[in-house]
C-alpha atoms as a PDB file:
ATOM      1  CA  UNK A   1      23.814-120.596 274.985  1.00  0.00           C
ATOM      2  CA  UNK A   2      27.013-122.471 274.376  1.00  0.00           C
ATOM      3  CA  UNK A   3      28.620-119.404 272.426  1.00  0.00           C
ATOM      4  CA  UNK A   4      28.199-117.422 275.541  1.00  0.00           C
ATOM      5  CA  UNK A   5      29.618-120.174 277.650  1.00  0.00           C
ATOM      6  CA  UNK A   6      32.898-120.316 275.788  1.00  0.00           C
ATOM      7  CA  UNK A   7      33.419-116.392 275.803  1.00  0.00           C
ATOM      8  CA  UNK A   8      32.844-116.962 279.721  1.00  0.00           C
ATOM      9  CA  UNK A   9      35.413-119.649 279.792  1.00  0.00           C
ATOM     10  CA  UNK A  10      37.901-118.013 277.387  1.00  0.00           C
ATOM     11  CA  UNK A  11      37.858-114.910 279.607  1.00  0.00           C
ATOM     12  CA  UNK A  12      38.351-116.801 282.587  1.00  0.00           C
ATOM     13  CA  UNK A  13      41.224-118.708 281.391  1.00  0.00           C
ATOM     14  CA  UNK A  14      42.922-115.836 279.930  1.00  0.00           C
ATOM     15  CA  UNK A  15      42.645-113.774 283.387  1.00  0.00           C
ATOM     16  CA  UNK A  16      43.441-116.734 285.822  1.00  0.00           C
ATOM     17  CA  UNK A  17      46.243-118.150 283.533  1.00  0.00           C
ATOM     18  CA  UNK A  18      47.905-114.712 283.115  1.00  0.00           C
ATOM     19  CA  UNK A  19      48.111-114.765 287.173  1.00  0.00           C
ATOM     20  CA  UNK A  20      49.317-118.485 287.175  1.00  0.00           C
ATOM     21  CA  UNK A  21      52.270-117.560 284.640  1.00  0.00           C
ATOM     22  CA  UNK A  22      53.289-114.364 286.077  1.00  0.00           C
ATOM     23  CA  UNK A  23      53.451-115.884 289.638  1.00  0.00           C
ATOM     24  CA  UNK A  24      54.983-119.543 288.769  1.00  0.00           C
ATOM     25  CA  UNK A  25      57.092-119.008 285.655  1.00  0.00           C
ATOM     26  CA  UNK A  26      60.012-117.112 284.842  1.00  0.00           C
ATOM     27  CA  UNK A  27      61.042-115.827 281.539  1.00  0.00           C
ATOM     28  CA  UNK A  28      64.695-114.449 281.900  1.00  0.00           C
ATOM     29  CA  UNK A  29      64.006-110.774 281.387  1.00  0.00           C
ATOM     30  CA  UNK A  30      61.225-111.201 278.995  1.00  0.00           C
ATOM     31  CA  UNK A  31      57.549-109.873 279.442  1.00  0.00           C
ATOM     32  CA  UNK A  32      54.977-112.465 278.234  1.00  0.00           C
ATOM     33  CA  UNK A  33      51.208-111.233 278.103  1.00  0.00           C
ATOM     34  CA  UNK A  34      48.424-113.482 277.154  1.00  0.00           C
ATOM     35  CA  UNK A  35      46.987-111.524 274.293  1.00  0.00           C
ATOM     36  CA  UNK A  36      43.998-113.828 273.230  1.00  0.00           C
ATOM     37  CA  UNK A  37      42.285-117.229 274.067  1.00  0.00           C
ATOM     38  CA  UNK A  38      40.338-119.000 271.619  1.00  0.00           C
ATOM     39  CA  UNK A  39      38.579-122.357 272.426  1.00  0.00           C
ATOM     40  CA  UNK A  40      37.194-124.790 269.894  1.00  0.00           C
ATOM     41  CA  UNK A  41      33.406-125.366 269.538  1.00  0.00           C
ATOM     42  CA  UNK A  42      33.640-128.809 271.779  1.00  0.00           C
ATOM     43  CA  UNK A  43      35.963-127.130 274.159  1.00  0.00           C
ATOM     44  CA  UNK A  44      38.521-129.581 273.841  1.00  0.00           C
ATOM     45  CA  UNK A  45      41.188-127.001 273.284  1.00  0.00           C
ATOM     46  CA  UNK A  46      42.267-123.760 274.189  1.00  0.00           C
ATOM     47  CA  UNK A  47      44.734-121.943 271.873  1.00  0.00           C
ATOM     48  CA  UNK A  48      46.678-119.385 273.978  1.00  0.00           C
ATOM     49  CA  UNK A  49      48.151-116.504 272.081  1.00  0.00           C
ATOM     50  CA  UNK A  50      50.966-115.022 273.518  1.00  0.00           C
ATOM     51  CA  UNK A  51      53.185-111.749 273.147  1.00  0.00           C
ATOM     52  CA  UNK A  52      56.801-111.811 274.205  1.00  0.00           C
ATOM     53  CA  UNK A  53      58.898-108.698 274.499  1.00  0.00           C
ATOM     54  CA  UNK A  54      61.493-108.525 273.536  1.00  0.00           C
ATOM     55  CA  UNK A  55      60.699-110.720 270.450  1.00  0.00           C
ATOM     56  CA  UNK A  56      64.159-111.826 270.394  1.00  0.00           C
ATOM     57  CA  UNK A  57      62.973-113.986 273.210  1.00  0.00           C
ATOM     58  CA  UNK A  58      59.919-115.514 271.881  1.00  0.00           C
ATOM     59  CA  UNK A  59      61.552-119.021 271.417  1.00  0.00           C
ATOM     60  CA  UNK A  60      62.576-119.420 274.848  1.00  0.00           C
ATOM     61  CA  UNK A  61      59.289-118.047 276.054  1.00  0.00           C
ATOM     62  CA  UNK A  62      57.381-120.341 273.657  1.00  0.00           C
ATOM     63  CA  UNK A  63      59.325-123.277 275.076  1.00  0.00           C
ATOM     64  CA  UNK A  64      58.971-122.542 278.581  1.00  0.00           C
ATOM     65  CA  UNK A  65      55.027-122.358 278.317  1.00  0.00           C
ATOM     66  CA  UNK A  66      55.299-125.704 276.417  1.00  0.00           C
ATOM     67  CA  UNK A  67      57.515-127.335 278.789  1.00  0.00           C
ATOM     68  CA  UNK A  68      55.223-126.534 281.769  1.00  0.00           C
ATOM     69  CA  UNK A  69      51.932-126.588 280.126  1.00  0.00           C
ATOM     70  CA  UNK A  70      50.817-129.808 282.073  1.00  0.00           C
ATOM     71  CA  UNK A  71      51.670-127.772 285.447  1.00  0.00           C
ATOM     72  CA  UNK A  72      49.802-124.943 284.195  1.00  0.00           C
ATOM     73  CA  UNK A  73      46.958-126.939 283.228  1.00  0.00           C
ATOM     74  CA  UNK A  74      46.761-128.397 286.576  1.00  0.00           C
ATOM     75  CA  UNK A  75      46.865-124.777 288.392  1.00  0.00           C
ATOM     76  CA  UNK A  76      44.319-123.904 286.168  1.00  0.00           C
ATOM     77  CA  UNK A  77      42.089-126.633 286.765  1.00  0.00           C
ATOM     78  CA  UNK A  78      42.398-125.921 290.660  1.00  0.00           C
ATOM     79  CA  UNK A  79      41.580-122.183 289.972  1.00  0.00           C
ATOM     80  CA  UNK A  80      38.537-122.649 287.917  1.00  0.00           C
ATOM     81  CA  UNK A  81      36.780-125.926 288.107  1.00  0.00           C
ATOM     82  CA  UNK A  82      35.003-126.398 284.940  1.00  0.00           C
ATOM     83  CA  UNK A  83      34.342-129.456 283.183  1.00  0.00           C
ATOM     84  CA  UNK A  84      35.417-130.105 280.409  1.00  0.00           C
ATOM     85  CA  UNK A  85      38.750-128.306 280.921  1.00  0.00           C
ATOM     86  CA  UNK A  86      40.142-127.226 277.505  1.00  0.00           C
ATOM     87  CA  UNK A  87      43.695-128.634 277.092  1.00  0.00           C
ATOM     88  CA  UNK A  88      46.078-125.543 276.637  1.00  0.00           C
ATOM     89  CA  UNK A  89      48.245-125.076 273.840  1.00  0.00           C
ATOM     90  CA  UNK A  90      50.417-122.028 273.084  1.00  0.00           C
ATOM     91  CA  UNK A  91      51.585-119.944 270.250  1.00  0.00           C
ATOM     92  CA  UNK A  92      53.068-116.687 269.736  1.00  0.00           C
ATOM     93  CA  UNK A  93      50.834-113.653 268.464  1.00  0.00           C
ATOM     94  CA  UNK A  94      52.733-111.681 265.763  1.00  0.00           C
ATOM     95  CA  UNK A  95      50.058-109.070 265.524  1.00  0.00           C
ATOM     96  CA  UNK A  96      51.976-106.471 267.258  1.00  0.00           C
ATOM     97  CA  UNK A  97      55.359-107.316 265.555  1.00  0.00           C
ATOM     98  CA  UNK A  98      53.444-107.394 262.216  1.00  0.00           C
ATOM     99  CA  UNK A  99      51.667-104.218 262.842  1.00  0.00           C
ATOM    100  CA  UNK A 100      54.718-102.499 263.796  1.00  0.00           C
ATOM    101  CA  UNK A 101      56.572-103.794 260.628  1.00  0.00           C
ATOM    102  CA  UNK A 102      53.731-102.455 258.389  1.00  0.00           C
ATOM    103  CA  UNK A 103      53.777 -98.854 260.400  1.00  0.00           C
ATOM    104  CA  UNK A 104      57.552 -98.755 259.929  1.00  0.00           C
ATOM    105  CA  UNK A 105      57.299 -99.535 255.916  1.00  0.00           C
ATOM    106  CA  UNK A 106      54.284 -96.822 255.727  1.00  0.00           C
ATOM    107  CA  UNK A 107      56.145 -94.140 257.625  1.00  0.00           C
ATOM    108  CA  UNK A 108      59.309 -94.674 255.351  1.00  0.00           C
ATOM    109  CA  UNK A 109      57.144 -94.704 252.122  1.00  0.00           C
ATOM    110  CA  UNK A 110      55.353 -91.640 253.594  1.00  0.00           C
ATOM    111  CA  UNK A 111      58.797 -90.225 254.275  1.00  0.00           C
ATOM    112  CA  UNK A 112      60.109 -90.609 250.700  1.00  0.00           C
ATOM    113  CA  UNK A 113      56.778 -89.012 249.217  1.00  0.00           C
ATOM    114  CA  UNK A 114      57.162 -86.298 251.412  1.00  0.00           C
ATOM    115  CA  UNK A 115      61.062 -85.927 250.571  1.00  0.00           C
ATOM    116  CA  UNK A 116      59.880 -85.974 246.928  1.00  0.00           C
ATOM    117  CA  UNK A 117      57.038 -83.327 247.123  1.00  0.00           C
ATOM    118  CA  UNK A 118      59.150 -80.998 249.355  1.00  0.00           C
ATOM    119  CA  UNK A 119      62.378 -81.101 246.998  1.00  0.00           C
ATOM    120  CA  UNK A 120      60.983 -78.881 244.012  1.00  0.00           C
ATOM    121  CA  UNK A 121      58.868 -76.439 246.350  1.00  0.00           C
ATOM    122  CA  UNK A 122      62.205 -76.122 248.354  1.00  0.00           C
ATOM    123  CA  UNK A 123      64.472 -74.918 245.342  1.00  0.00           C
ATOM    124  CA  UNK A 124      62.555 -72.025 244.450  1.00  0.00           C
END
């Protein structure tokens, strides 16, 4: 039962906090998206993973989120009145950046292999 409750709370927090962040905070041209919410077993802490585009503004966006965490926590509590309300903490989700880096390396490597394979066949 508790497992399902934590999943519902994670989903609610992601939905409502996303709305609150887009309405209340300004990130100076950066797009901040909540990618995932993880709540610990005791429902004391919620780890909010955010993606920031462009990635050059990750530090600034994370600073703004952490600086306003108390206000965001308060607004979230008013929107979804649950007890206990997990304490929110933010971190950057680098999954998309890492995936793009891996894809770039893969395509470069694939291109090198393709060039090597095509070389002898094209000289005939």
